Amino acid sequence: MTSTTKTDCGQEISLPRAALVAGLGYLLTPTPFAEFYVYPHLVISGKIEQTAQNILAHQSLFAAGIVCYLSSFVCDVVIAWALYYLLKPVSASLSLLAAWFQLVYAAVGLSASLNLVTVLRLLDTPEDAALFGAGPLHAQIQLLLASFRSTWGLSLIFFAIHLMLVGYLIYKSGYIPKLIGILLVVAGVGYVVLNLNTYLFPEPDLGYVAIALLGELVFMFWLLLRGWKIKQSATSALG
């Protein structure tokens, strides 16, 4: 018999089902395509003219990247909901807090992504290009791209706190491997270091951060491959 928790409408959701929903949410999140392929291929640091030309020449790819960013926030809402129920037996209050931090991350990230929508609109509208002129237009695009990166970095701080809370709850759960909890806490710290290094650690080699972030990948595979095996007996001791 699997453990279940009740939703507000009285329906029950099993912990294995919550694990599966969260795992699928991670799997279907399209952020990596936008963040690690589209953006670095089109946006060239310090070369705003070339960046503008790249976006104009590959508008469909840039638009696809925007859609990926926006779609990922829908996945984040679903993941936050599923993880809340998955970790609620450990601590309902901390599980809710972790979910709220992920929702704040999604809201701030959504705000950041709207800068990219404005960039595409400016470059795709001849009237705006003529009104601004090449120099001011490029300056406006550079400002919007910088605003996207800084706001996106801020959103990841909230996500880092979410990961650390989830990691702690997993460590205390008894029905998810403690190692995954440790890896997620390390991943959260990695996100903080990665997004604050410009201000706090301007010179260090941050190559280890990529390894730290593997905790999310390990968690996703555990949710998909092992999460359905969570049993009532594993959570009964938590009350």
Protein backbone atom coordinates (compact mmCIF):
# COMPACT_ATOMS: atom_id res chain seq x y z
CA MET A 1 0.00 0.00 0.00
CA THR A 2 1.50 3.31 -1.02
CA SER A 3 1.51 6.44 1.11
CA THR A 4 -0.90 9.20 0.12
CA THR A 5 -1.59 12.79 1.02
CA LYS A 6 -4.84 14.68 0.49
CA THR A 7 -5.24 17.69 -1.74
CA ASP A 8 -7.47 20.61 -0.74
CA CYS A 9 -10.38 19.15 -2.72
CA GLY A 10 -10.17 15.92 -0.75
CA GLN A 11 -8.61 13.81 -3.48
CA GLU A 12 -5.56 11.76 -2.61
CA ILE A 13 -2.26 11.78 -4.47
CA SER A 14 0.16 8.97 -3.79
CA LEU A 15 3.80 9.69 -3.11
CA PRO A 16 4.87 7.53 -6.07
CA ARG A 17 2.59 9.55 -8.34
CA ALA A 18 3.97 12.81 -6.95
CA ALA A 19 7.49 11.50 -7.60
CA LEU A 20 6.59 10.58 -11.16
CA VAL A 21 5.00 13.96 -11.88
CA ALA A 22 8.04 15.78 -10.48
CA GLY A 23 10.41 13.58 -12.50
CA LEU A 24 8.48 14.17 -15.71
CA GLY A 25 8.43 17.89 -14.96
CA TYR A 26 12.23 17.91 -14.71
CA LEU A 27 12.58 15.77 -17.83
CA LEU A 28 10.30 17.98 -19.94
CA THR A 29 11.73 21.31 -18.79
CA PRO A 30 13.19 22.91 -21.95
CA THR A 31 15.44 25.43 -20.18
CA PRO A 32 18.74 23.67 -21.08
CA PHE A 33 18.04 24.05 -24.82
CA ALA A 34 17.51 27.80 -24.43
CA GLU A 35 20.23 28.42 -21.86
CA PHE A 36 23.04 26.23 -23.22
CA TYR A 37 22.35 26.24 -26.96
CA VAL A 38 20.21 29.12 -28.22
CA TYR A 39 21.46 31.95 -26.04
CA PRO A 40 25.23 31.34 -26.28
CA HIS A 41 24.98 30.69 -30.04
CA LEU A 42 23.23 33.98 -30.78
CA VAL A 43 24.32 36.37 -28.03
CA ILE A 44 28.03 37.22 -28.25
CA SER A 45 29.39 38.94 -25.17
CA GLY A 46 30.84 42.38 -25.91
CA LYS A 47 29.73 42.30 -29.56
CA ILE A 48 26.26 43.78 -29.66
CA GLU A 49 26.30 44.47 -33.42
CA GLN A 50 27.10 40.83 -34.18
CA THR A 51 24.50 39.74 -31.62
CA ALA A 52 21.83 41.85 -33.32
CA GLN A 53 22.78 40.40 -36.70
CA ASN A 54 22.65 36.86 -35.29
CA ILE A 55 19.18 37.37 -33.85
CA LEU A 56 17.92 38.95 -37.08
CA ALA A 57 19.33 36.08 -39.12
CA HIS A 58 17.90 33.42 -36.77
CA GLN A 59 14.68 34.94 -35.49
CA SER A 60 12.90 31.60 -35.37
CA LEU A 61 15.64 30.07 -33.22
CA PHE A 62 15.64 33.09 -30.89
CA ALA A 63 11.85 32.90 -30.61
CA ALA A 64 12.10 29.17 -29.88
CA GLY A 65 14.53 29.96 -27.08
CA ILE A 66 12.05 32.44 -25.60
CA VAL A 67 9.27 29.85 -25.78
CA CYS A 68 11.54 27.36 -24.02
CA TYR A 69 12.23 29.80 -21.20
CA LEU A 70 8.52 30.60 -20.81
CA SER A 71 7.46 26.94 -21.02
CA SER A 72 9.95 25.97 -18.35
CA PHE A 73 8.12 28.13 -15.82
CA VAL A 74 4.97 26.10 -16.39
CA CYS A 75 7.01 22.98 -15.63
CA ASP A 76 8.35 24.69 -12.50
CA VAL A 77 4.84 25.25 -11.18
CA VAL A 78 4.01 21.57 -11.72
CA ILE A 79 7.28 20.47 -10.11
CA ALA A 80 6.69 22.74 -7.11
CA TRP A 81 3.23 21.21 -6.64
CA ALA A 82 4.49 17.63 -6.96
CA LEU A 83 7.48 18.11 -4.65
CA TYR A 84 5.26 19.72 -2.05
CA TYR A 85 3.19 16.54 -1.80
CA LEU A 86 6.24 14.30 -2.11
CA LEU A 87 7.97 15.94 0.86
CA LYS A 88 4.93 16.97 2.89
CA PRO A 89 5.20 13.89 5.18
CA VAL A 90 8.61 15.16 6.34
CA SER A 91 7.50 18.70 7.16
CA ALA A 92 4.43 20.35 5.67
CA SER A 93 5.65 23.86 6.52
CA LEU A 94 9.15 23.46 5.07
CA SER A 95 7.78 21.66 2.01
CA LEU A 96 5.40 24.56 1.41
CA LEU A 97 8.25 27.04 1.89
CA ALA A 98 10.38 25.17 -0.66
CA ALA A 99 7.48 25.26 -3.13
CA TRP A 100 7.05 29.00 -2.64
CA PHE A 101 10.72 29.65 -3.31
CA GLN A 102 10.40 27.74 -6.60
CA LEU A 103 7.31 29.74 -7.52
CA VAL A 104 9.12 33.01 -6.76
CA TYR A 105 11.99 31.80 -8.95
CA ALA A 106 9.52 31.13 -11.77
CA ALA A 107 7.89 34.56 -11.38
CA VAL A 108 11.22 36.43 -11.40
CA GLY A 109 12.48 34.29 -14.29
CA LEU A 110 9.32 35.06 -16.25
CA SER A 111 9.91 38.76 -15.71
CA ALA A 112 13.49 38.34 -16.94
CA SER A 113 12.38 36.51 -20.09
CA LEU A 114 10.09 39.36 -21.11
CA ASN A 115 13.25 41.35 -21.87
CA LEU A 116 14.00 38.86 -24.64
CA VAL A 117 10.51 39.34 -26.06
CA THR A 118 11.20 43.08 -26.27
CA VAL A 119 14.55 42.45 -27.96
CA LEU A 120 12.89 40.38 -30.66
CA ARG A 121 10.15 42.96 -31.13
CA LEU A 122 12.66 45.82 -31.52
CA LEU A 123 14.71 43.95 -34.11
CA ASP A 124 11.68 42.61 -35.96
CA THR A 125 9.92 45.98 -36.28
CA PRO A 126 11.44 48.23 -38.99
CA GLU A 127 9.62 51.27 -37.60
CA ASP A 128 11.37 50.89 -34.25
CA ALA A 129 14.75 50.43 -35.91
CA ALA A 130 14.22 53.58 -37.95
CA LEU A 131 13.02 55.53 -34.91
CA PHE A 132 15.98 54.61 -32.72
CA GLY A 133 18.78 54.51 -35.29
CA ALA A 134 21.44 51.82 -35.31
CA GLY A 135 23.51 53.07 -32.37
CA PRO A 136 20.70 53.75 -29.87
CA LEU A 137 18.91 50.57 -30.98
CA HIS A 138 21.95 48.46 -30.25
CA ALA A 139 22.39 50.21 -26.90
CA GLN A 140 18.77 49.44 -26.02
CA ILE A 141 19.20 45.78 -26.99
CA GLN A 142 22.38 45.51 -24.94
CA LEU A 143 20.56 47.00 -21.95
CA LEU A 144 17.69 44.53 -22.34
CA LEU A 145 20.03 41.54 -22.65
CA ALA A 146 21.99 42.68 -19.60
CA SER A 147 18.73 43.11 -17.68
CA PHE A 148 17.72 39.58 -18.68
CA ARG A 149 20.96 38.06 -17.42
CA SER A 150 20.99 39.97 -14.13
CA THR A 151 17.32 39.28 -13.37
CA TRP A 152 17.72 35.64 -14.41
CA GLY A 153 20.70 35.38 -12.05
CA LEU A 154 18.57 36.82 -9.25
CA SER A 155 15.85 34.25 -9.93
CA LEU A 156 18.39 31.44 -9.59
CA ILE A 157 19.21 32.60 -6.06
CA PHE A 158 15.61 31.83 -5.11
CA PHE A 159 15.91 28.50 -6.93
CA ALA A 160 19.10 27.76 -4.99
CA ILE A 161 17.27 28.26 -1.69
CA HIS A 162 14.52 25.97 -2.99
CA LEU A 163 17.09 23.28 -3.79
CA MET A 164 18.72 23.52 -0.38
CA LEU A 165 15.35 23.19 1.37
CA VAL A 166 14.41 20.21 -0.82
CA GLY A 167 17.81 18.67 -0.15
CA TYR A 168 17.34 19.04 3.60
CA LEU A 169 13.85 17.52 3.45
CA ILE A 170 15.12 14.60 1.39
CA TYR A 171 17.96 14.01 3.83
CA LYS A 172 15.46 13.84 6.69
CA SER A 173 12.84 11.85 4.79
CA GLY A 174 14.11 8.29 5.13
CA TYR A 175 12.36 7.26 1.90
CA ILE A 176 14.66 9.06 -0.55
CA PRO A 177 18.44 8.40 -0.46
CA LYS A 178 20.30 10.83 1.80
CA LEU A 179 23.00 11.20 -0.87
CA ILE A 180 20.48 12.90 -3.18
CA GLY A 181 19.65 15.37 -0.43
CA ILE A 182 23.34 16.16 0.03
CA LEU A 183 23.83 16.57 -3.72
CA LEU A 184 20.91 19.00 -3.95
CA VAL A 185 22.23 21.10 -1.08
CA VAL A 186 25.61 21.21 -2.84
CA ALA A 187 23.82 22.15 -6.08
CA GLY A 188 22.03 24.98 -4.29
CA VAL A 189 25.32 26.29 -2.95
CA GLY A 190 26.74 25.95 -6.47
CA TYR A 191 23.98 28.13 -7.89
CA VAL A 192 24.62 30.78 -5.24
CA VAL A 193 28.36 30.83 -5.93
CA LEU A 194 27.80 30.82 -9.69
CA ASN A 195 25.44 33.79 -9.61
CA LEU A 196 27.26 35.84 -6.97
CA ASN A 197 30.83 35.21 -8.14
CA THR A 198 30.90 38.45 -10.16
CA TYR A 199 30.36 40.40 -6.96
CA LEU A 200 31.98 38.23 -4.30
CA PHE A 201 34.52 35.98 -6.05
CA PRO A 202 35.75 37.76 -9.19
CA GLU A 203 38.74 35.54 -9.89
CA PRO A 204 38.13 31.89 -8.91
CA ASP A 205 37.97 28.85 -11.13
CA LEU A 206 34.31 27.79 -10.99
CA GLY A 207 34.62 24.58 -12.98
CA TYR A 208 33.54 22.52 -9.98
CA VAL A 209 30.12 24.20 -10.03
CA ALA A 210 29.09 22.22 -13.12
CA ILE A 211 29.78 19.00 -11.21
CA ALA A 212 27.78 20.24 -8.24
CA LEU A 213 24.75 20.87 -10.45
CA LEU A 214 24.64 17.18 -11.42
CA GLY A 215 22.59 16.66 -8.26
CA GLU A 216 19.47 17.77 -10.12
CA LEU A 217 20.08 15.20 -12.84
CA VAL A 218 20.58 12.41 -10.28
CA PHE A 219 17.37 13.44 -8.51
CA MET A 220 15.41 13.44 -11.77
CA PHE A 221 16.51 9.91 -12.66
CA TRP A 222 15.75 8.66 -9.17
CA LEU A 223 12.24 10.14 -9.34
CA LEU A 224 11.58 8.50 -12.71
CA LEU A 225 13.19 5.13 -12.03
CA ARG A 226 12.78 4.57 -8.30
CA GLY A 227 10.20 7.03 -7.02
CA TRP A 228 7.30 4.72 -7.82
CA LYS A 229 8.63 2.25 -5.25
CA ILE A 230 8.02 4.51 -2.24
CA LYS A 231 5.98 2.51 0.29
CA GLN A 232 3.72 3.36 3.22
CA SER A 233 6.14 1.64 5.58
CA ALA A 234 8.89 4.07 4.56
CA THR A 235 6.89 7.13 5.63
CA SER A 236 4.88 5.82 8.57
CA ALA A 237 7.60 6.69 11.05
CA LEU A 238 7.27 10.35 10.08
CA GLY A 239 3.74 10.46 11.37
